[in-house]
């Protein structure tokens, strides 16, 4: 678990309502994909598989709500395998701006995660 920090774009005190998923390279210079989505990792977000409904005699998927998201894949935008996220990576391709600071800031052992309510 990491602290929310976004000093680069001055958004540290503005926690996002959307969810961001990506995989950052070990050197913190590139990402192979980026997903910006409204979905969470809760059971309600993914639906529920109902085995054999009594009324119909068929299996079904019960969806309680719909979510939307955008998946950024570099091959479709810049014809490369990764997006640069560090200005020192590439001068020919614009840097992909992440909504959070990299490297990520881990919590200290005595920290407790909480929301800033200023």
PDB file of N, CA and C in Angstrom:
ATOM      1  N   UNK A   1       0.847  -1.169   0.000  1.00  0.00           N
ATOM      2  CA  UNK A   1       0.000   0.000   0.000  1.00  0.00           C
ATOM      3  C   UNK A   1       0.897   1.238   0.000  1.00  0.00           C
ATOM      4  N   UNK A   2       0.503   2.236  -0.767  1.00  0.00           N
ATOM      5  CA  UNK A   2       1.312   3.437  -0.903  1.00  0.00           C
ATOM      6  C   UNK A   2       0.489   4.676  -0.586  1.00  0.00           C
ATOM      7  N   UNK A   3       1.172   5.738  -0.202  1.00  0.00           N
ATOM      8  CA  UNK A   3       0.512   7.007   0.075  1.00  0.00           C
ATOM      9  C   UNK A   3       0.120   7.677  -1.233  1.00  0.00           C
ATOM     10  N   UNK A   4      -0.979   8.446  -1.203  1.00  0.00           N
ATOM     11  CA  UNK A   4      -1.370   9.230  -2.368  1.00  0.00           C
ATOM     12  C   UNK A   4      -0.522  10.491  -2.372  1.00  0.00           C
ATOM     13  N   UNK A   5       0.305  10.630  -3.397  1.00  0.00           N
ATOM     14  CA  UNK A   5       1.135  11.816  -3.588  1.00  0.00           C
ATOM     15  C   UNK A   5       1.038  12.226  -5.045  1.00  0.00           C
ATOM     16  N   UNK A   6       0.781  13.529  -5.247  1.00  0.00           N
ATOM     17  CA  UNK A   6       0.707  14.057  -6.600  1.00  0.00           C
ATOM     18  C   UNK A   6       1.219  15.499  -6.614  1.00  0.00           C
ATOM     19  N   UNK A   7       2.436  15.673  -6.115  1.00  0.00           N
ATOM     20  CA  UNK A   7       3.041  17.004  -6.032  1.00  0.00           C
ATOM     21  C   UNK A   7       3.384  17.554  -7.413  1.00  0.00           C
ATOM     22  N   UNK A   8       3.740  16.687  -8.343  1.00  0.00           N
ATOM     23  CA  UNK A   8       4.169  17.129  -9.672  1.00  0.00           C
ATOM     24  C   UNK A   8       3.084  17.950 -10.379  1.00  0.00           C
ATOM     25  N   UNK A   9       1.831  17.554 -10.186  1.00  0.00           N
ATOM     26  CA  UNK A   9       0.727  18.296 -10.812  1.00  0.00           C
ATOM     27  C   UNK A   9      -0.155  18.988  -9.766  1.00  0.00           C
ATOM     28  N   UNK A  10       0.387  19.125  -8.540  1.00  0.00           N
ATOM     29  CA  UNK A  10      -0.275  19.862  -7.460  1.00  0.00           C
ATOM     30  C   UNK A  10      -1.668  19.310  -7.127  1.00  0.00           C
ATOM     31  N   UNK A  11      -1.778  17.963  -6.982  1.00  0.00           N
ATOM     32  CA  UNK A  11      -3.067  17.325  -6.687  1.00  0.00           C
ATOM     33  C   UNK A  11      -2.999  16.404  -5.460  1.00  0.00           C
ATOM     34  N   UNK A  12      -2.010  16.571  -4.596  1.00  0.00           N
ATOM     35  CA  UNK A  12      -1.873  15.703  -3.435  1.00  0.00           C
ATOM     36  C   UNK A  12      -3.094  15.769  -2.526  1.00  0.00           C
ATOM     37  N   UNK A  13      -3.695  16.945  -2.381  1.00  0.00           N
ATOM     38  CA  UNK A  13      -4.854  17.095  -1.484  1.00  0.00           C
ATOM     39  C   UNK A  13      -6.178  16.817  -2.187  1.00  0.00           C
ATOM     40  N   UNK A  14      -6.144  16.382  -3.433  1.00  0.00           N
ATOM     41  CA  UNK A  14      -7.361  16.065  -4.189  1.00  0.00           C
ATOM     42  C   UNK A  14      -7.339  14.577  -4.539  1.00  0.00           C
ATOM     43  N   UNK A  15      -7.891  13.751  -3.653  1.00  0.00           N
ATOM     44  CA  UNK A  15      -7.941  12.312  -3.910  1.00  0.00           C
ATOM     45  C   UNK A  15      -8.849  12.033  -5.104  1.00  0.00           C
ATOM     46  N   UNK A  16      -8.432  11.156  -6.013  1.00  0.00           N
ATOM     47  CA  UNK A  16      -9.234  10.891  -7.213  1.00  0.00           C
ATOM     48  C   UNK A  16     -10.429   9.986  -6.922  1.00  0.00           C
ATOM     49  N   UNK A  17     -11.511  10.167  -7.676  1.00  0.00           N
ATOM     50  CA  UNK A  17     -12.669   9.275  -7.588  1.00  0.00           C
ATOM     51  C   UNK A  17     -12.543   8.125  -8.586  1.00  0.00           C
ATOM     52  N   UNK A  18     -11.706   8.301  -9.592  1.00  0.00           N
ATOM     53  CA  UNK A  18     -11.490   7.244 -10.575  1.00  0.00           C
ATOM     54  C   UNK A  18     -10.337   6.368 -10.132  1.00  0.00           C
ATOM     55  N   UNK A  19     -10.307   5.167 -10.649  1.00  0.00           N
ATOM     56  CA  UNK A  19      -9.242   4.233 -10.312  1.00  0.00           C
ATOM     57  C   UNK A  19      -8.237   4.158 -11.453  1.00  0.00           C
ATOM     58  N   UNK A  20      -6.974   4.113 -11.103  1.00  0.00           N
ATOM     59  CA  UNK A  20      -5.894   4.024 -12.072  1.00  0.00           C
ATOM     60  C   UNK A  20      -5.115   2.743 -11.810  1.00  0.00           C
ATOM     61  N   UNK A  21      -4.851   2.012 -12.868  1.00  0.00           N
ATOM     62  CA  UNK A  21      -4.069   0.779 -12.771  1.00  0.00           C
ATOM     63  C   UNK A  21      -2.980   0.826 -13.826  1.00  0.00           C
ATOM     64  N   UNK A  22      -1.788   0.404 -13.464  1.00  0.00           N
ATOM     65  CA  UNK A  22      -0.693   0.325 -14.421  1.00  0.00           C
ATOM     66  C   UNK A  22       0.390  -0.568 -13.828  1.00  0.00           C
ATOM     67  N   UNK A  23       1.413  -0.816 -14.604  1.00  0.00           N
ATOM     68  CA  UNK A  23       2.592  -1.539 -14.130  1.00  0.00           C
ATOM     69  C   UNK A  23       3.791  -0.667 -14.454  1.00  0.00           C
ATOM     70  N   UNK A  24       4.477  -0.217 -13.426  1.00  0.00           N
ATOM     71  CA  UNK A  24       5.619   0.682 -13.593  1.00  0.00           C
ATOM     72  C   UNK A  24       6.894  -0.153 -13.683  1.00  0.00           C
ATOM     73  N   UNK A  25       7.756   0.205 -14.615  1.00  0.00           N
ATOM     74  CA  UNK A  25       9.022  -0.527 -14.769  1.00  0.00           C
ATOM     75  C   UNK A  25       9.876  -0.362 -13.501  1.00  0.00           C
ATOM     76  N   UNK A  26      10.780  -1.304 -13.241  1.00  0.00           N
ATOM     77  CA  UNK A  26      11.625  -1.219 -12.041  1.00  0.00           C
ATOM     78  C   UNK A  26      12.454   0.063 -11.948  1.00  0.00           C
ATOM     79  N   UNK A  27      12.792   0.652 -13.095  1.00  0.00           N
ATOM     80  CA  UNK A  27      13.573   1.895 -13.070  1.00  0.00           C
ATOM     81  C   UNK A  27      12.688   3.151 -13.044  1.00  0.00           C
ATOM     82  N   UNK A  28      11.372   2.968 -12.938  1.00  0.00           N
ATOM     83  CA  UNK A  28      10.400   4.082 -12.855  1.00  0.00           C
ATOM     84  C   UNK A  28      10.439   4.998 -14.086  1.00  0.00           C
ATOM     85  N   UNK A  29      10.701   4.434 -15.257  1.00  0.00           N
ATOM     86  CA  UNK A  29      10.817   5.257 -16.454  1.00  0.00           C
ATOM     87  C   UNK A  29       9.775   4.978 -17.527  1.00  0.00           C
ATOM     88  N   UNK A  30       9.042   3.849 -17.417  1.00  0.00           N
ATOM     89  CA  UNK A  30       8.065   3.532 -18.455  1.00  0.00           C
ATOM     90  C   UNK A  30       6.961   2.626 -17.924  1.00  0.00           C
ATOM     91  N   UNK A  31       5.848   2.603 -18.671  1.00  0.00           N
ATOM     92  CA  UNK A  31       4.717   1.729 -18.341  1.00  0.00           C
ATOM     93  C   UNK A  31       4.244   1.044 -19.625  1.00  0.00           C
ATOM     94  N   UNK A  32       3.820  -0.226 -19.552  1.00  0.00           N
ATOM     95  CA  UNK A  32       3.369  -0.927 -20.756  1.00  0.00           C
ATOM     96  C   UNK A  32       1.891  -0.685 -21.078  1.00  0.00           C
ATOM     97  N   UNK A  33       1.124  -0.183 -20.125  1.00  0.00           N
ATOM     98  CA  UNK A  33      -0.300   0.099 -20.320  1.00  0.00           C
ATOM     99  C   UNK A  33      -0.784   0.965 -19.157  1.00  0.00           C
ATOM    100  N   UNK A  34      -1.943   1.589 -19.319  1.00  0.00           N
ATOM    101  CA  UNK A  34      -2.535   2.394 -18.253  1.00  0.00           C
ATOM    102  C   UNK A  34      -4.050   2.278 -18.373  1.00  0.00           C
ATOM    103  N   UNK A  35      -4.717   1.927 -17.273  1.00  0.00           N
ATOM    104  CA  UNK A  35      -6.179   1.809 -17.253  1.00  0.00           C
ATOM    105  C   UNK A  35      -6.744   2.865 -16.322  1.00  0.00           C
ATOM    106  N   UNK A  36      -7.609   3.710 -16.851  1.00  0.00           N
ATOM    107  CA  UNK A  36      -8.332   4.715 -16.073  1.00  0.00           C
ATOM    108  C   UNK A  36      -9.785   4.276 -16.084  1.00  0.00           C
ATOM    109  N   UNK A  37     -10.345   4.028 -14.911  1.00  0.00           N
ATOM    110  CA  UNK A  37     -11.652   3.383 -14.869  1.00  0.00           C
ATOM    111  C   UNK A  37     -12.471   3.841 -13.662  1.00  0.00           C
ATOM    112  N   UNK A  38     -13.762   3.672 -13.763  1.00  0.00           N
ATOM    113  CA  UNK A  38     -14.643   3.969 -12.631  1.00  0.00           C
ATOM    114  C   UNK A  38     -14.851   2.740 -11.756  1.00  0.00           C
ATOM    115  N   UNK A  39     -14.409   1.590 -12.228  1.00  0.00           N
ATOM    116  CA  UNK A  39     -14.677   0.361 -11.487  1.00  0.00           C
ATOM    117  C   UNK A  39     -13.767   0.206 -10.279  1.00  0.00           C
ATOM    118  N   UNK A  40     -14.260  -0.513  -9.300  1.00  0.00           N
ATOM    119  CA  UNK A  40     -13.463  -0.839  -8.129  1.00  0.00           C
ATOM    120  C   UNK A  40     -13.204  -2.330  -8.107  1.00  0.00           C
ATOM    121  N   UNK A  41     -12.576  -2.768  -7.076  1.00  0.00           N
ATOM    122  CA  UNK A  41     -12.281  -4.192  -6.952  1.00  0.00           C
ATOM    123  C   UNK A  41     -13.271  -4.874  -6.017  1.00  0.00           C
ATOM    124  N   UNK A  42     -14.451  -4.310  -5.897  1.00  0.00           N
ATOM    125  CA  UNK A  42     -15.489  -4.890  -5.056  1.00  0.00           C
ATOM    126  C   UNK A  42     -16.331  -5.884  -5.840  1.00  0.00           C
ATOM    127  N   UNK A  43     -16.940  -6.781  -5.146  1.00  0.00           N
ATOM    128  CA  UNK A  43     -17.762  -7.810  -5.791  1.00  0.00           C
ATOM    129  C   UNK A  43     -18.903  -7.207  -6.628  1.00  0.00           C
ATOM    130  N   UNK A  44     -19.532  -6.149  -6.142  1.00  0.00           N
ATOM    131  CA  UNK A  44     -20.636  -5.531  -6.886  1.00  0.00           C
ATOM    132  C   UNK A  44     -20.205  -4.987  -8.247  1.00  0.00           C
ATOM    133  N   UNK A  45     -18.954  -4.623  -8.366  1.00  0.00           N
ATOM    134  CA  UNK A  45     -18.470  -4.044  -9.624  1.00  0.00           C
ATOM    135  C   UNK A  45     -18.330  -5.071 -10.733  1.00  0.00           C
ATOM    136  N   UNK A  46     -18.246  -6.328 -10.394  1.00  0.00           N
ATOM    137  CA  UNK A  46     -17.965  -7.344 -11.393  1.00  0.00           C
ATOM    138  C   UNK A  46     -19.156  -8.231 -11.727  1.00  0.00           C
ATOM    139  N   UNK A  47     -20.252  -8.111 -11.003  1.00  0.00           N
ATOM    140  CA  UNK A  47     -21.410  -8.951 -11.273  1.00  0.00           C
ATOM    141  C   UNK A  47     -21.359 -10.248 -10.489  1.00  0.00           C
ATOM    142  N   UNK A  48     -22.440 -11.011 -10.615  1.00  0.00           N
ATOM    143  CA  UNK A  48     -22.533 -12.270  -9.878  1.00  0.00           C
ATOM    144  C   UNK A  48     -23.054 -13.345 -10.818  1.00  0.00           C
ATOM    145  N   UNK A  49     -22.374 -14.472 -10.823  1.00  0.00           N
ATOM    146  CA  UNK A  49     -22.773 -15.591 -11.662  1.00  0.00           C
ATOM    147  C   UNK A  49     -23.813 -16.424 -10.907  1.00  0.00           C
ATOM    148  N   UNK A  50     -25.006 -16.540 -11.479  1.00  0.00           N
ATOM    149  CA  UNK A  50     -26.074 -17.327 -10.872  1.00  0.00           C
ATOM    150  C   UNK A  50     -26.149 -18.682 -11.553  1.00  0.00           C
ATOM    151  N   UNK A  51     -25.920 -19.712 -10.802  1.00  0.00           N
ATOM    152  CA  UNK A  51     -26.002 -21.055 -11.364  1.00  0.00           C
ATOM    153  C   UNK A  51     -27.448 -21.532 -11.358  1.00  0.00           C
ATOM    154  N   UNK A  52     -27.897 -21.902 -12.499  1.00  0.00           N
ATOM    155  CA  UNK A  52     -29.188 -22.528 -12.700  1.00  0.00           C
ATOM    156  C   UNK A  52     -30.349 -21.808 -11.986  1.00  0.00           C
ATOM    157  N   UNK A  53     -30.893 -20.813 -12.649  1.00  0.00           N
ATOM    158  CA  UNK A  53     -32.047 -20.093 -12.101  1.00  0.00           C
ATOM    159  C   UNK A  53     -33.283 -20.985 -12.131  1.00  0.00           C
ATOM    160  N   UNK A  54     -34.040 -20.982 -11.058  1.00  0.00           N
ATOM    161  CA  UNK A  54     -35.222 -21.853 -10.960  1.00  0.00           C
ATOM    162  C   UNK A  54     -36.259 -21.571 -12.046  1.00  0.00           C
ATOM    163  N   UNK A  55     -36.484 -20.288 -12.325  1.00  0.00           N
ATOM    164  CA  UNK A  55     -37.547 -19.935 -13.270  1.00  0.00           C
ATOM    165  C   UNK A  55     -37.242 -20.324 -14.712  1.00  0.00           C
ATOM    166  N   UNK A  56     -35.967 -20.195 -15.100  1.00  0.00           N
ATOM    167  CA  UNK A  56     -35.626 -20.421 -16.501  1.00  0.00           C
ATOM    168  C   UNK A  56     -34.906 -21.741 -16.751  1.00  0.00           C
ATOM    169  N   UNK A  57     -34.281 -22.284 -15.727  1.00  0.00           N
ATOM    170  CA  UNK A  57     -33.513 -23.503 -15.908  1.00  0.00           C
ATOM    171  C   UNK A  57     -32.168 -23.265 -16.574  1.00  0.00           C
ATOM    172  N   UNK A  58     -31.739 -21.997 -16.637  1.00  0.00           N
ATOM    173  CA  UNK A  58     -30.475 -21.654 -17.285  1.00  0.00           C
ATOM    174  C   UNK A  58     -29.565 -20.909 -16.308  1.00  0.00           C
ATOM    175  N   UNK A  59     -28.266 -20.951 -16.589  1.00  0.00           N
ATOM    176  CA  UNK A  59     -27.308 -20.139 -15.837  1.00  0.00           C
ATOM    177  C   UNK A  59     -27.379 -18.706 -16.355  1.00  0.00           C
ATOM    178  N   UNK A  60     -27.006 -17.739 -15.504  1.00  0.00           N
ATOM    179  CA  UNK A  60     -27.044 -16.347 -15.943  1.00  0.00           C
ATOM    180  C   UNK A  60     -26.015 -15.526 -15.165  1.00  0.00           C
ATOM    181  N   UNK A  61     -25.778 -14.315 -15.667  1.00  0.00           N
ATOM    182  CA  UNK A  61     -24.900 -13.356 -15.004  1.00  0.00           C
ATOM    183  C   UNK A  61     -25.760 -12.188 -14.551  1.00  0.00           C
ATOM    184  N   UNK A  62     -25.742 -11.892 -13.257  1.00  0.00           N
ATOM    185  CA  UNK A  62     -26.512 -10.793 -12.701  1.00  0.00           C
ATOM    186  C   UNK A  62     -25.574  -9.610 -12.491  1.00  0.00           C
ATOM    187  N   UNK A  63     -25.812  -8.524 -13.214  1.00  0.00           N
ATOM    188  CA  UNK A  63     -24.956  -7.339 -13.134  1.00  0.00           C
ATOM    189  C   UNK A  63     -25.689  -6.264 -12.347  1.00  0.00           C
ATOM    190  N   UNK A  64     -25.075  -5.818 -11.248  1.00  0.00           N
ATOM    191  CA  UNK A  64     -25.725  -4.835 -10.383  1.00  0.00           C
ATOM    192  C   UNK A  64     -25.437  -3.405 -10.795  1.00  0.00           C
ATOM    193  N   UNK A  65     -24.328  -3.172 -11.470  1.00  0.00           N
ATOM    194  CA  UNK A  65     -24.038  -1.836 -11.974  1.00  0.00           C
ATOM    195  C   UNK A  65     -23.014  -1.936 -13.098  1.00  0.00           C
ATOM    196  N   UNK A  66     -23.007  -0.929 -13.941  1.00  0.00           N
ATOM    197  CA  UNK A  66     -22.085  -0.905 -15.067  1.00  0.00           C
ATOM    198  C   UNK A  66     -20.971   0.092 -14.799  1.00  0.00           C
ATOM    199  N   UNK A  67     -19.799  -0.204 -15.286  1.00  0.00           N
ATOM    200  CA  UNK A  67     -18.631   0.641 -15.095  1.00  0.00           C
ATOM    201  C   UNK A  67     -18.053   1.004 -16.461  1.00  0.00           C
ATOM    202  N   UNK A  68     -17.262   2.075 -16.497  1.00  0.00           N
ATOM    203  CA  UNK A  68     -16.622   2.497 -17.742  1.00  0.00           C
ATOM    204  C   UNK A  68     -15.135   2.715 -17.508  1.00  0.00           C
ATOM    205  N   UNK A  69     -14.370   2.491 -18.534  1.00  0.00           N
ATOM    206  CA  UNK A  69     -12.935   2.693 -18.405  1.00  0.00           C
ATOM    207  C   UNK A  69     -12.282   2.891 -19.754  1.00  0.00           C
ATOM    208  N   UNK A  70     -11.068   3.413 -19.720  1.00  0.00           N
ATOM    209  CA  UNK A  70     -10.270   3.613 -20.933  1.00  0.00           C
ATOM    210  C   UNK A  70      -8.927   2.940 -20.705  1.00  0.00           C
ATOM    211  N   UNK A  71      -8.559   2.062 -21.628  1.00  0.00           N
ATOM    212  CA  UNK A  71      -7.274   1.377 -21.561  1.00  0.00           C
ATOM    213  C   UNK A  71      -6.342   2.005 -22.590  1.00  0.00           C
ATOM    214  N   UNK A  72      -5.223   2.543 -22.113  1.00  0.00           N
ATOM    215  CA  UNK A  72      -4.221   3.146 -22.985  1.00  0.00           C
ATOM    216  C   UNK A  72      -3.136   2.101 -23.259  1.00  0.00           C
ATOM    217  N   UNK A  73      -2.981   1.741 -24.521  1.00  0.00           N
ATOM    218  CA  UNK A  73      -1.957   0.789 -24.950  1.00  0.00           C
ATOM    219  C   UNK A  73      -1.039   1.542 -25.912  1.00  0.00           C
ATOM    220  N   UNK A  74       0.255   1.609 -25.599  1.00  0.00           N
ATOM    221  CA  UNK A  74       1.166   2.448 -26.385  1.00  0.00           C
ATOM    222  C   UNK A  74       1.226   2.129 -27.882  1.00  0.00           C
ATOM    223  N   UNK A  75       1.031   0.876 -28.239  1.00  0.00           N
ATOM    224  CA  UNK A  75       1.100   0.498 -29.657  1.00  0.00           C
ATOM    225  C   UNK A  75       0.094   1.300 -30.498  1.00  0.00           C
ATOM    226  N   UNK A  76      -1.060   1.622 -29.927  1.00  0.00           N
ATOM    227  CA  UNK A  76      -2.102   2.339 -30.672  1.00  0.00           C
ATOM    228  C   UNK A  76      -1.916   3.854 -30.659  1.00  0.00           C
ATOM    229  N   UNK A  77      -1.098   4.359 -29.753  1.00  0.00           N
ATOM    230  CA  UNK A  77      -0.909   5.804 -29.646  1.00  0.00           C
ATOM    231  C   UNK A  77       0.436   6.283 -30.197  1.00  0.00           C
ATOM    232  N   UNK A  78       1.498   5.541 -29.879  1.00  0.00           N
ATOM    233  CA  UNK A  78       2.839   5.993 -30.276  1.00  0.00           C
ATOM    234  C   UNK A  78       3.624   4.911 -31.011  1.00  0.00           C
ATOM    235  N   UNK A  79       2.968   3.796 -31.322  1.00  0.00           N
ATOM    236  CA  UNK A  79       3.576   2.679 -32.046  1.00  0.00           C
ATOM    237  C   UNK A  79       4.854   2.169 -31.364  1.00  0.00           C
ATOM    238  N   UNK A  80       4.785   2.018 -30.048  1.00  0.00           N
ATOM    239  CA  UNK A  80       5.887   1.479 -29.247  1.00  0.00           C
ATOM    240  C   UNK A  80       5.314   0.486 -28.239  1.00  0.00           C
ATOM    241  N   UNK A  81       6.194  -0.207 -27.524  1.00  0.00           N
ATOM    242  CA  UNK A  81       5.753  -1.187 -26.522  1.00  0.00           C
ATOM    243  C   UNK A  81       5.476  -0.578 -25.156  1.00  0.00           C
ATOM    244  N   UNK A  82       6.019   0.595 -24.897  1.00  0.00           N
ATOM    245  CA  UNK A  82       5.816   1.240 -23.596  1.00  0.00           C
ATOM    246  C   UNK A  82       5.641   2.740 -23.755  1.00  0.00           C
ATOM    247  N   UNK A  83       4.963   3.343 -22.773  1.00  0.00           N
ATOM    248  CA  UNK A  83       4.874   4.799 -22.678  1.00  0.00           C
ATOM    249  C   UNK A  83       6.018   5.286 -21.798  1.00  0.00           C
ATOM    250  N   UNK A  84       6.741   6.329 -22.202  1.00  0.00           N
ATOM    251  CA  UNK A  84       7.721   6.907 -21.286  1.00  0.00           C
ATOM    252  C   UNK A  84       7.000   7.721 -20.208  1.00  0.00           C
ATOM    253  N   UNK A  85       7.424   7.608 -18.955  1.00  0.00           N
ATOM    254  CA  UNK A  85       6.831   8.406 -17.878  1.00  0.00           C
ATOM    255  C   UNK A  85       7.872   9.308 -17.222  1.00  0.00           C
ATOM    256  N   UNK A  86       9.087   9.270 -17.737  1.00  0.00           N
ATOM    257  CA  UNK A  86      10.166  10.101 -17.230  1.00  0.00           C
ATOM    258  C   UNK A  86      10.671  10.954 -18.382  1.00  0.00           C
ATOM    259  N   UNK A  87      10.879  12.239 -18.125  1.00  0.00           N
ATOM    260  CA  UNK A  87      11.345  13.124 -19.196  1.00  0.00           C
ATOM    261  C   UNK A  87      12.701  12.708 -19.748  1.00  0.00           C
ATOM    262  N   UNK A  88      13.493  12.017 -18.947  1.00  0.00           N
ATOM    263  CA  UNK A  88      14.811  11.619 -19.412  1.00  0.00           C
ATOM    264  C   UNK A  88      14.788  10.369 -20.284  1.00  0.00           C
ATOM    265  N   UNK A  89      13.630   9.724 -20.445  1.00  0.00           N
ATOM    266  CA  UNK A  89      13.530   8.492 -21.218  1.00  0.00           C
ATOM    267  C   UNK A  89      13.624   8.746 -22.710  1.00  0.00           C
ATOM    268  N   UNK A  90      12.826   9.679 -23.217  1.00  0.00           N
ATOM    269  CA  UNK A  90      12.771   9.887 -24.663  1.00  0.00           C
ATOM    270  C   UNK A  90      12.397  11.323 -24.965  1.00  0.00           C
ATOM    271  N   UNK A  91      13.108  11.939 -25.871  1.00  0.00           N
ATOM    272  CA  UNK A  91      12.777  13.308 -26.260  1.00  0.00           C
ATOM    273  C   UNK A  91      11.859  13.332 -27.476  1.00  0.00           C
ATOM    274  N   UNK A  92      11.805  12.223 -28.225  1.00  0.00           N
ATOM    275  CA  UNK A  92      10.983  12.184 -29.443  1.00  0.00           C
ATOM    276  C   UNK A  92       9.512  11.865 -29.166  1.00  0.00           C
ATOM    277  N   UNK A  93       9.222  11.245 -28.019  1.00  0.00           N
ATOM    278  CA  UNK A  93       7.850  10.871 -27.663  1.00  0.00           C
ATOM    279  C   UNK A  93       7.456  11.627 -26.403  1.00  0.00           C
ATOM    280  N   UNK A  94       6.289  12.256 -26.400  1.00  0.00           N
ATOM    281  CA  UNK A  94       5.868  12.970 -25.190  1.00  0.00           C
ATOM    282  C   UNK A  94       5.721  12.017 -23.995  1.00  0.00           C
ATOM    283  N   UNK A  95       5.974  12.536 -22.821  1.00  0.00           N
ATOM    284  CA  UNK A  95       5.865  11.763 -21.589  1.00  0.00           C
ATOM    285  C   UNK A  95       4.402  11.531 -21.251  1.00  0.00           C
ATOM    286  N   UNK A  96       4.063  10.304 -20.858  1.00  0.00           N
ATOM    287  CA  UNK A  96       2.703   9.972 -20.411  1.00  0.00           C
ATOM    288  C   UNK A  96       2.570  10.499 -18.989  1.00  0.00           C
ATOM    289  N   UNK A  97       1.655  11.427 -18.769  1.00  0.00           N
ATOM    290  CA  UNK A  97       1.497  12.066 -17.466  1.00  0.00           C
ATOM    291  C   UNK A  97       0.629  11.208 -16.554  1.00  0.00           C
ATOM    292  N   UNK A  98       1.216  10.674 -15.515  1.00  0.00           N
ATOM    293  CA  UNK A  98       0.476   9.896 -14.526  1.00  0.00           C
ATOM    294  C   UNK A  98      -0.157  10.845 -13.510  1.00  0.00           C
ATOM    295  N   UNK A  99      -1.307  10.479 -12.936  1.00  0.00           N
ATOM    296  CA  UNK A  99      -1.952  11.358 -11.953  1.00  0.00           C
ATOM    297  C   UNK A  99      -1.308  11.293 -10.574  1.00  0.00           C
ATOM    298  N   UNK A 100      -0.267  10.467 -10.399  1.00  0.00           N
ATOM    299  CA  UNK A 100       0.411  10.327  -9.119  1.00  0.00           C
ATOM    300  C   UNK A 100       1.918  10.401  -9.346  1.00  0.00           C
ATOM    301  N   UNK A 101       2.643  10.678  -8.265  1.00  0.00           N
ATOM    302  CA  UNK A 101       4.094  10.800  -8.352  1.00  0.00           C
ATOM    303  C   UNK A 101       4.778   9.438  -8.417  1.00  0.00           C
ATOM    304  N   UNK A 102       5.848   9.395  -9.183  1.00  0.00           N
ATOM    305  CA  UNK A 102       6.696   8.207  -9.281  1.00  0.00           C
ATOM    306  C   UNK A 102       8.110   8.661  -8.945  1.00  0.00           C
ATOM    307  N   UNK A 103       8.822   7.974  -8.085  1.00  0.00           N
ATOM    308  CA  UNK A 103       8.491   6.685  -7.478  1.00  0.00           C
ATOM    309  C   UNK A 103       7.396   6.822  -6.430  1.00  0.00           C
ATOM    310  N   UNK A 104       6.692   5.721  -6.230  1.00  0.00           N
ATOM    311  CA  UNK A 104       5.614   5.685  -5.256  1.00  0.00           C
ATOM    312  C   UNK A 104       6.179   5.857  -3.846  1.00  0.00           C
ATOM    313  N   UNK A 105       5.348   6.405  -2.952  1.00  0.00           N
ATOM    314  CA  UNK A 105       5.776   6.664  -1.581  1.00  0.00           C
ATOM    315  C   UNK A 105       5.125   5.654  -0.646  1.00  0.00           C
ATOM    316  N   UNK A 106       5.920   4.705  -0.120  1.00  0.00           N
ATOM    317  CA  UNK A 106       5.315   3.707   0.783  1.00  0.00           C
ATOM    318  C   UNK A 106       4.987   4.324   2.134  1.00  0.00           C
ATOM    319  N   UNK A 107       4.037   3.706   2.817  1.00  0.00           N
ATOM    320  CA  UNK A 107       3.750   4.107   4.193  1.00  0.00           C
ATOM    321  C   UNK A 107       4.899   3.650   5.082  1.00  0.00           C
ATOM    322  N   UNK A 108       5.143   4.403   6.125  1.00  0.00           N
ATOM    323  CA  UNK A 108       6.115   3.997   7.138  1.00  0.00           C
ATOM    324  C   UNK A 108       5.431   2.991   8.057  1.00  0.00           C
ATOM    325  N   UNK A 109       6.191   2.231   8.827  1.00  0.00           N
ATOM    326  CA  UNK A 109       5.621   1.213   9.713  1.00  0.00           C
ATOM    327  C   UNK A 109       4.649   1.794  10.729  1.00  0.00           C
ATOM    328  N   UNK A 110       4.883   3.020  11.190  1.00  0.00           N
ATOM    329  CA  UNK A 110       3.994   3.606  12.195  1.00  0.00           C
ATOM    330  C   UNK A 110       2.882   4.471  11.595  1.00  0.00           C
ATOM    331  N   UNK A 111       2.808   4.580  10.266  1.00  0.00           N
ATOM    332  CA  UNK A 111       1.734   5.339   9.601  1.00  0.00           C
ATOM    333  C   UNK A 111       0.439   4.539   9.581  1.00  0.00           C
ATOM    334  N   UNK A 112      -0.667   5.256   9.563  1.00  0.00           N
ATOM    335  CA  UNK A 112      -1.976   4.629   9.385  1.00  0.00           C
ATOM    336  C   UNK A 112      -2.652   5.303   8.203  1.00  0.00           C
ATOM    337  N   UNK A 113      -3.101   4.518   7.210  1.00  0.00           N
ATOM    338  CA  UNK A 113      -3.778   5.122   6.054  1.00  0.00           C
ATOM    339  C   UNK A 113      -5.061   5.850   6.503  1.00  0.00           C
ATOM    340  N   UNK A 114      -5.267   7.018   5.955  1.00  0.00           N
ATOM    341  CA  UNK A 114      -6.483   7.789   6.241  1.00  0.00           C
ATOM    342  C   UNK A 114      -6.709   8.782   5.102  1.00  0.00           C
ATOM    343  N   UNK A 115      -7.918   9.320   5.055  1.00  0.00           N
ATOM    344  CA  UNK A 115      -8.232  10.322   4.054  1.00  0.00           C
ATOM    345  C   UNK A 115      -7.988  11.695   4.635  1.00  0.00           C
ATOM    346  N   UNK A 116      -7.409  12.572   3.824  1.00  0.00           N
ATOM    347  CA  UNK A 116      -7.219  13.954   4.221  1.00  0.00           C
ATOM    348  C   UNK A 116      -8.547  14.665   4.142  1.00  0.00           C
ATOM    349  N   UNK A 117      -8.984  15.281   5.196  1.00  0.00           N
ATOM    350  CA  UNK A 117     -10.302  15.958   5.200  1.00  0.00           C
ATOM    351  C   UNK A 117     -10.151  17.439   5.461  1.00  0.00           C
ATOM    352  N   UNK A 118      -9.325  18.092   4.664  1.00  0.00           N
ATOM    353  CA  UNK A 118      -9.108  19.523   4.847  1.00  0.00           C
ATOM    354  C   UNK A 118     -10.177  20.321   4.162  1.00  0.00           C
TER     355      UNK A 118
END
